[in-house]
């Protein structure tokens, strides 16, 4: 999903709303950031991360598709466990929407 795109469920929640309308939308994971994918959890050699890295820290790495953000889950003796899932993957999102103007 690009930086300037709305998540599918959020965009669908806005359909048919008019100026002044308010509503709450609940977006299931499949219409937001997807389910948590265990295949996105990887181990890399600890020599490939900064020496002062800590559990919970966010790091940026490179993949064939470009930059990727990962969260440090665990630090072992020789490897670091990273989670490449979006922080909101697997979670239901709830938004209170109000249309304040339409261009």
C-alpha atoms as a PDB file:
ATOM      1  CA  UNK A   1       0.000   0.000   0.000  1.00  0.00           C
ATOM      2  CA  UNK A   2       1.467   3.367  -1.019  1.00  0.00           C
ATOM      3  CA  UNK A   3       1.916   6.275   1.345  1.00  0.00           C
ATOM      4  CA  UNK A   4      -0.950   8.308  -0.131  1.00  0.00           C
ATOM      5  CA  UNK A   5      -3.514   5.509  -0.393  1.00  0.00           C
ATOM      6  CA  UNK A   6      -6.328   4.923   2.061  1.00  0.00           C
ATOM      7  CA  UNK A   7      -6.830   1.432   3.373  1.00  0.00           C
ATOM      8  CA  UNK A   8      -9.637  -0.319   1.485  1.00  0.00           C
ATOM      9  CA  UNK A   9     -12.015  -0.550   4.447  1.00  0.00           C
ATOM     10  CA  UNK A  10     -11.550   3.113   5.388  1.00  0.00           C
ATOM     11  CA  UNK A  11     -12.201   4.263   1.835  1.00  0.00           C
ATOM     12  CA  UNK A  12     -15.301   2.025   1.582  1.00  0.00           C
ATOM     13  CA  UNK A  13     -16.586   3.513   4.857  1.00  0.00           C
ATOM     14  CA  UNK A  14     -16.654   6.967   3.267  1.00  0.00           C
ATOM     15  CA  UNK A  15     -18.834   5.915   0.315  1.00  0.00           C
ATOM     16  CA  UNK A  16     -22.232   7.656   0.258  1.00  0.00           C
ATOM     17  CA  UNK A  17     -21.355   9.968   3.172  1.00  0.00           C
ATOM     18  CA  UNK A  18     -22.358  13.595   2.752  1.00  0.00           C
ATOM     19  CA  UNK A  19     -21.085  16.758   4.399  1.00  0.00           C
ATOM     20  CA  UNK A  20     -22.028  16.707   8.087  1.00  0.00           C
ATOM     21  CA  UNK A  21     -22.523  12.916   8.217  1.00  0.00           C
ATOM     22  CA  UNK A  22     -20.973  11.006  11.119  1.00  0.00           C
ATOM     23  CA  UNK A  23     -20.568   7.275  11.614  1.00  0.00           C
ATOM     24  CA  UNK A  24     -18.339   4.640  13.163  1.00  0.00           C
ATOM     25  CA  UNK A  25     -16.801   2.007  10.906  1.00  0.00           C
ATOM     26  CA  UNK A  26     -15.166  -1.236  11.970  1.00  0.00           C
ATOM     27  CA  UNK A  27     -12.606  -2.570   9.519  1.00  0.00           C
ATOM     28  CA  UNK A  28     -11.621  -6.225   9.607  1.00  0.00           C
ATOM     29  CA  UNK A  29      -7.930  -7.083   9.137  1.00  0.00           C
ATOM     30  CA  UNK A  30      -8.443  -8.317   5.553  1.00  0.00           C
ATOM     31  CA  UNK A  31      -9.703  -4.846   4.573  1.00  0.00           C
ATOM     32  CA  UNK A  32      -6.955  -3.045   6.527  1.00  0.00           C
ATOM     33  CA  UNK A  33      -3.381  -4.309   6.959  1.00  0.00           C
ATOM     34  CA  UNK A  34      -4.098  -8.018   6.527  1.00  0.00           C
ATOM     35  CA  UNK A  35      -3.699 -10.913   8.905  1.00  0.00           C
ATOM     36  CA  UNK A  36      -0.525 -11.390  10.910  1.00  0.00           C
ATOM     37  CA  UNK A  37       1.736 -13.535   8.708  1.00  0.00           C
ATOM     38  CA  UNK A  38       4.136 -15.817  10.615  1.00  0.00           C
ATOM     39  CA  UNK A  39       6.293 -16.054   7.474  1.00  0.00           C
ATOM     40  CA  UNK A  40       7.180 -12.369   8.004  1.00  0.00           C
ATOM     41  CA  UNK A  41       9.061 -13.284  11.205  1.00  0.00           C
ATOM     42  CA  UNK A  42      12.693 -13.948  10.380  1.00  0.00           C
ATOM     43  CA  UNK A  43      16.004 -14.447  12.105  1.00  0.00           C
ATOM     44  CA  UNK A  44      19.094 -12.622  10.898  1.00  0.00           C
ATOM     45  CA  UNK A  45      22.668 -12.664  12.172  1.00  0.00           C
ATOM     46  CA  UNK A  46      23.112 -10.226  15.048  1.00  0.00           C
ATOM     47  CA  UNK A  47      26.075  -8.745  13.156  1.00  0.00           C
ATOM     48  CA  UNK A  48      23.541  -7.308  10.646  1.00  0.00           C
ATOM     49  CA  UNK A  49      21.903  -4.973  13.180  1.00  0.00           C
ATOM     50  CA  UNK A  50      23.303  -2.080  15.223  1.00  0.00           C
ATOM     51  CA  UNK A  51      25.147  -3.292  18.347  1.00  0.00           C
ATOM     52  CA  UNK A  52      22.845  -1.352  20.699  1.00  0.00           C
ATOM     53  CA  UNK A  53      19.566  -2.700  19.235  1.00  0.00           C
ATOM     54  CA  UNK A  54      16.816  -3.416  21.777  1.00  0.00           C
ATOM     55  CA  UNK A  55      13.646  -5.536  21.829  1.00  0.00           C
ATOM     56  CA  UNK A  56      10.666  -3.494  20.616  1.00  0.00           C
ATOM     57  CA  UNK A  57      12.804  -1.181  18.497  1.00  0.00           C
ATOM     58  CA  UNK A  58      11.817  -0.515  14.889  1.00  0.00           C
ATOM     59  CA  UNK A  59      14.492  -0.887  12.219  1.00  0.00           C
ATOM     60  CA  UNK A  60      14.482  -0.290   8.486  1.00  0.00           C
ATOM     61  CA  UNK A  61      15.957  -2.823   6.108  1.00  0.00           C
ATOM     62  CA  UNK A  62      16.003  -3.470   2.394  1.00  0.00           C
ATOM     63  CA  UNK A  63      14.096  -6.095   0.449  1.00  0.00           C
ATOM     64  CA  UNK A  64      13.805  -6.800  -3.284  1.00  0.00           C
ATOM     65  CA  UNK A  65      10.606  -4.664  -3.192  1.00  0.00           C
ATOM     66  CA  UNK A  66      12.378  -1.729  -1.492  1.00  0.00           C
ATOM     67  CA  UNK A  67      12.656  -0.453   2.098  1.00  0.00           C
ATOM     68  CA  UNK A  68      10.876  -2.446   4.787  1.00  0.00           C
ATOM     69  CA  UNK A  69      10.216  -1.641   8.448  1.00  0.00           C
ATOM     70  CA  UNK A  70      10.705  -4.421  10.980  1.00  0.00           C
ATOM     71  CA  UNK A  71      10.250  -4.736  14.735  1.00  0.00           C
ATOM     72  CA  UNK A  72      12.838  -6.437  16.939  1.00  0.00           C
ATOM     73  CA  UNK A  73      11.027  -9.292  18.727  1.00  0.00           C
ATOM     74  CA  UNK A  74      13.905 -11.096  20.385  1.00  0.00           C
ATOM     75  CA  UNK A  75      17.680 -10.918  20.699  1.00  0.00           C
ATOM     76  CA  UNK A  76      19.427 -14.281  20.920  1.00  0.00           C
ATOM     77  CA  UNK A  77      23.128 -15.043  21.207  1.00  0.00           C
ATOM     78  CA  UNK A  78      23.921 -15.027  17.479  1.00  0.00           C
ATOM     79  CA  UNK A  79      20.659 -13.949  15.831  1.00  0.00           C
ATOM     80  CA  UNK A  80      17.995 -11.289  16.111  1.00  0.00           C
ATOM     81  CA  UNK A  81      14.324 -12.163  15.514  1.00  0.00           C
ATOM     82  CA  UNK A  82      12.517  -9.552  13.397  1.00  0.00           C
ATOM     83  CA  UNK A  83       8.833  -9.110  12.544  1.00  0.00           C
ATOM     84  CA  UNK A  84       8.117  -7.594   9.128  1.00  0.00           C
ATOM     85  CA  UNK A  85       4.341  -7.446   9.642  1.00  0.00           C
ATOM     86  CA  UNK A  86       2.685  -4.042   9.799  1.00  0.00           C
ATOM     87  CA  UNK A  87       2.130  -3.133  13.493  1.00  0.00           C
ATOM     88  CA  UNK A  88      -1.648  -3.188  12.885  1.00  0.00           C
ATOM     89  CA  UNK A  89      -1.685  -6.503  10.970  1.00  0.00           C
ATOM     90  CA  UNK A  90      -4.275  -8.896  12.364  1.00  0.00           C
ATOM     91  CA  UNK A  91      -6.161  -6.165  14.209  1.00  0.00           C
ATOM     92  CA  UNK A  92      -9.672  -4.846  13.716  1.00  0.00           C
ATOM     93  CA  UNK A  93      -9.620  -1.073  13.237  1.00  0.00           C
ATOM     94  CA  UNK A  94     -12.391   1.207  14.490  1.00  0.00           C
ATOM     95  CA  UNK A  95     -12.768   4.760  13.162  1.00  0.00           C
ATOM     96  CA  UNK A  96     -15.209   7.518  14.016  1.00  0.00           C
ATOM     97  CA  UNK A  97     -15.766   9.376  10.735  1.00  0.00           C
ATOM     98  CA  UNK A  98     -17.181  12.842  10.184  1.00  0.00           C
ATOM     99  CA  UNK A  99     -17.336  14.562   6.800  1.00  0.00           C
ATOM    100  CA  UNK A 100     -16.533  18.220   7.403  1.00  0.00           C
ATOM    101  CA  UNK A 101     -16.338  19.242   3.763  1.00  0.00           C
ATOM    102  CA  UNK A 102     -16.382  17.913   0.220  1.00  0.00           C
ATOM    103  CA  UNK A 103     -14.292  19.365  -2.595  1.00  0.00           C
END
